[in-house]
Amino acid sequence: MERAADEQAADEVGSRRTVAHAIGVAALATAGTGASAAGSALSVLHVATPRGMVPRRVSLLLTPRTWHAAGLLRLLPAAVAAFSCVWSVEAAVDLVELIETARGGR
């Protein structure tokens, strides 16, 4: 969910670099809010670790997007609904034909 929010923020702001910078600044600002000095020092170190969540989010924002699937994914529910309607009508027509055939009408 955070990645989707990051991408949406980048789209709205218009700069992936600005959003990545804001995420990094916010993480560092909240890292020192622990109860003890040792706890806050450890949380600052945790935020800065290369495998931490914040560096991954920032690095993903700084890498260029290669595939824009948002438009296709927005069309998917409409396409599924349209196919469902078409096949429902087809099934209803087939049912009517089967009932007429069973009655001996054809």
C-alpha atoms as a PDB file:
ATOM      1  CA  MET A   1       0.000   0.000   0.000  1.00  0.00           C
ATOM      2  CA  GLU A   2       2.872   2.321   0.752  1.00  0.00           C
ATOM      3  CA  ARG A   3       4.334   1.732  -2.714  1.00  0.00           C
ATOM      4  CA  ALA A   4       1.006   2.573  -4.340  1.00  0.00           C
ATOM      5  CA  ALA A   5       0.769   5.715  -2.218  1.00  0.00           C
ATOM      6  CA  ASP A   6       4.331   6.631  -3.191  1.00  0.00           C
ATOM      7  CA  GLU A   7       3.517   6.233  -6.876  1.00  0.00           C
ATOM      8  CA  GLN A   8       0.319   8.256  -6.562  1.00  0.00           C
ATOM      9  CA  ALA A   9       2.178  11.009  -4.715  1.00  0.00           C
ATOM     10  CA  ALA A  10       4.854  11.036  -7.413  1.00  0.00           C
ATOM     11  CA  ASP A  11       2.184  11.350 -10.102  1.00  0.00           C
ATOM     12  CA  GLU A  12       0.423  14.184  -8.275  1.00  0.00           C
ATOM     13  CA  VAL A  13       3.616  16.076  -7.417  1.00  0.00           C
ATOM     14  CA  GLY A  14       5.133  15.442 -10.828  1.00  0.00           C
ATOM     15  CA  SER A  15       8.573  14.568  -9.487  1.00  0.00           C
ATOM     16  CA  ARG A  16       9.623  11.164  -8.248  1.00  0.00           C
ATOM     17  CA  ARG A  17      12.831  12.665  -6.851  1.00  0.00           C
ATOM     18  CA  THR A  18      10.905  15.153  -4.687  1.00  0.00           C
ATOM     19  CA  VAL A  19       8.717  12.416  -3.213  1.00  0.00           C
ATOM     20  CA  ALA A  20      11.743  10.190  -2.568  1.00  0.00           C
ATOM     21  CA  HIS A  21      13.468  13.071  -0.785  1.00  0.00           C
ATOM     22  CA  ALA A  22      10.364  13.766   1.324  1.00  0.00           C
ATOM     23  CA  ILE A  23      10.127  10.093   2.340  1.00  0.00           C
ATOM     24  CA  GLY A  24      13.766  10.066   3.388  1.00  0.00           C
ATOM     25  CA  VAL A  25      13.451  13.302   5.370  1.00  0.00           C
ATOM     26  CA  ALA A  26      10.275  12.082   7.098  1.00  0.00           C
ATOM     27  CA  ALA A  27      11.916   8.778   8.018  1.00  0.00           C
ATOM     28  CA  LEU A  28      14.945  10.494   9.497  1.00  0.00           C
ATOM     29  CA  ALA A  29      12.777  13.025  11.346  1.00  0.00           C
ATOM     30  CA  THR A  30      10.669  10.323  13.004  1.00  0.00           C
ATOM     31  CA  ALA A  31      13.594   7.988  13.677  1.00  0.00           C
ATOM     32  CA  GLY A  32      14.753   9.896  16.750  1.00  0.00           C
ATOM     33  CA  THR A  33      11.422   9.845  18.595  1.00  0.00           C
ATOM     34  CA  GLY A  34      12.290   6.886  20.844  1.00  0.00           C
ATOM     35  CA  ALA A  35      12.089   6.946  24.642  1.00  0.00           C
ATOM     36  CA  SER A  36      15.820   6.560  25.225  1.00  0.00           C
ATOM     37  CA  ALA A  37      18.921   7.835  23.506  1.00  0.00           C
ATOM     38  CA  ALA A  38      20.060   4.278  22.762  1.00  0.00           C
ATOM     39  CA  GLY A  39      16.686   3.429  21.230  1.00  0.00           C
ATOM     40  CA  SER A  40      16.710   6.480  19.007  1.00  0.00           C
ATOM     41  CA  ALA A  41      20.270   5.819  17.869  1.00  0.00           C
ATOM     42  CA  LEU A  42      19.318   2.274  16.931  1.00  0.00           C
ATOM     43  CA  SER A  43      16.218   3.431  15.067  1.00  0.00           C
ATOM     44  CA  VAL A  44      18.273   5.944  13.072  1.00  0.00           C
ATOM     45  CA  LEU A  45      20.677   3.161  12.143  1.00  0.00           C
ATOM     46  CA  HIS A  46      17.773   0.889  11.201  1.00  0.00           C
ATOM     47  CA  VAL A  47      16.287   3.507   8.885  1.00  0.00           C
ATOM     48  CA  ALA A  48      19.603   3.938   7.110  1.00  0.00           C
ATOM     49  CA  THR A  49      20.338   0.246   6.553  1.00  0.00           C
ATOM     50  CA  PRO A  50      20.533  -0.648   2.853  1.00  0.00           C
ATOM     51  CA  ARG A  51      17.946  -3.405   3.229  1.00  0.00           C
ATOM     52  CA  GLY A  52      15.544  -1.266   5.252  1.00  0.00           C
ATOM     53  CA  MET A  53      12.082  -0.358   4.041  1.00  0.00           C
ATOM     54  CA  VAL A  54      12.771   3.348   3.499  1.00  0.00           C
ATOM     55  CA  PRO A  55      15.866   2.897   1.294  1.00  0.00           C
ATOM     56  CA  ARG A  56      13.954   0.371  -0.815  1.00  0.00           C
ATOM     57  CA  ARG A  57      11.023   2.760  -1.247  1.00  0.00           C
ATOM     58  CA  VAL A  58      13.368   5.607  -2.145  1.00  0.00           C
ATOM     59  CA  SER A  59      15.370   3.504  -4.606  1.00  0.00           C
ATOM     60  CA  LEU A  60      12.200   2.286  -6.298  1.00  0.00           C
ATOM     61  CA  LEU A  61      11.024   5.861  -6.676  1.00  0.00           C
ATOM     62  CA  LEU A  62      14.357   6.928  -8.131  1.00  0.00           C
ATOM     63  CA  THR A  63      14.411   4.162 -10.750  1.00  0.00           C
ATOM     64  CA  PRO A  64      12.499   5.005 -13.913  1.00  0.00           C
ATOM     65  CA  ARG A  65       9.166   3.316 -14.463  1.00  0.00           C
ATOM     66  CA  THR A  66       9.261   1.034 -17.465  1.00  0.00           C
ATOM     67  CA  TRP A  67       5.660  -0.118 -17.760  1.00  0.00           C
ATOM     68  CA  HIS A  68       2.532   1.946 -17.311  1.00  0.00           C
ATOM     69  CA  ALA A  69      -0.200  -0.534 -16.476  1.00  0.00           C
ATOM     70  CA  ALA A  70      -2.514   1.885 -14.711  1.00  0.00           C
ATOM     71  CA  GLY A  71      -4.606   2.509 -17.823  1.00  0.00           C
ATOM     72  CA  LEU A  72      -4.921  -1.181 -18.602  1.00  0.00           C
ATOM     73  CA  LEU A  73      -5.780  -2.050 -15.036  1.00  0.00           C
ATOM     74  CA  ARG A  74      -8.518   0.573 -14.994  1.00  0.00           C
ATOM     75  CA  LEU A  75     -10.072  -0.985 -18.089  1.00  0.00           C
ATOM     76  CA  LEU A  76      -9.949  -4.525 -16.733  1.00  0.00           C
ATOM     77  CA  PRO A  77     -13.096  -4.348 -14.536  1.00  0.00           C
ATOM     78  CA  ALA A  78     -15.090  -2.780 -17.374  1.00  0.00           C
ATOM     79  CA  ALA A  79     -13.907  -5.463 -19.792  1.00  0.00           C
ATOM     80  CA  VAL A  80     -14.785  -8.247 -17.352  1.00  0.00           C
ATOM     81  CA  ALA A  81     -18.251  -6.734 -16.823  1.00  0.00           C
ATOM     82  CA  ALA A  82     -18.826  -6.418 -20.574  1.00  0.00           C
ATOM     83  CA  PHE A  83     -17.774 -10.019 -21.234  1.00  0.00           C
ATOM     84  CA  SER A  84     -19.984 -11.163 -18.364  1.00  0.00           C
ATOM     85  CA  CYS A  85     -22.997  -9.382 -19.866  1.00  0.00           C
ATOM     86  CA  VAL A  86     -22.338 -10.826 -23.312  1.00  0.00           C
ATOM     87  CA  TRP A  87     -21.998 -14.371 -22.004  1.00  0.00           C
ATOM     88  CA  SER A  88     -25.089 -13.969 -19.790  1.00  0.00           C
ATOM     89  CA  VAL A  89     -27.166 -13.000 -22.826  1.00  0.00           C
ATOM     90  CA  GLU A  90     -25.688 -15.914 -24.768  1.00  0.00           C
ATOM     91  CA  ALA A  91     -26.552 -18.296 -21.938  1.00  0.00           C
ATOM     92  CA  ALA A  92     -30.122 -16.961 -21.782  1.00  0.00           C
ATOM     93  CA  VAL A  93     -30.566 -17.449 -25.548  1.00  0.00           C
ATOM     94  CA  ASP A  94     -29.208 -20.998 -25.284  1.00  0.00           C
ATOM     95  CA  LEU A  95     -31.571 -21.724 -22.378  1.00  0.00           C
ATOM     96  CA  VAL A  96     -34.582 -20.531 -24.386  1.00  0.00           C
ATOM     97  CA  GLU A  97     -33.500 -22.696 -27.326  1.00  0.00           C
ATOM     98  CA  LEU A  98     -33.092 -25.736 -25.075  1.00  0.00           C
ATOM     99  CA  ILE A  99     -36.508 -25.231 -23.499  1.00  0.00           C
ATOM    100  CA  GLU A 100     -38.154 -24.882 -26.922  1.00  0.00           C
ATOM    101  CA  THR A 101     -36.338 -27.993 -28.152  1.00  0.00           C
ATOM    102  CA  ALA A 102     -37.440 -29.932 -25.051  1.00  0.00           C
ATOM    103  CA  ARG A 103     -41.062 -28.917 -25.641  1.00  0.00           C
ATOM    104  CA  GLY A 104     -40.795 -30.045 -29.241  1.00  0.00           C
ATOM    105  CA  GLY A 105     -41.410 -26.582 -30.629  1.00  0.00           C
ATOM    106  CA  ARG A 106     -38.685 -26.717 -33.248  1.00  0.00           C
END
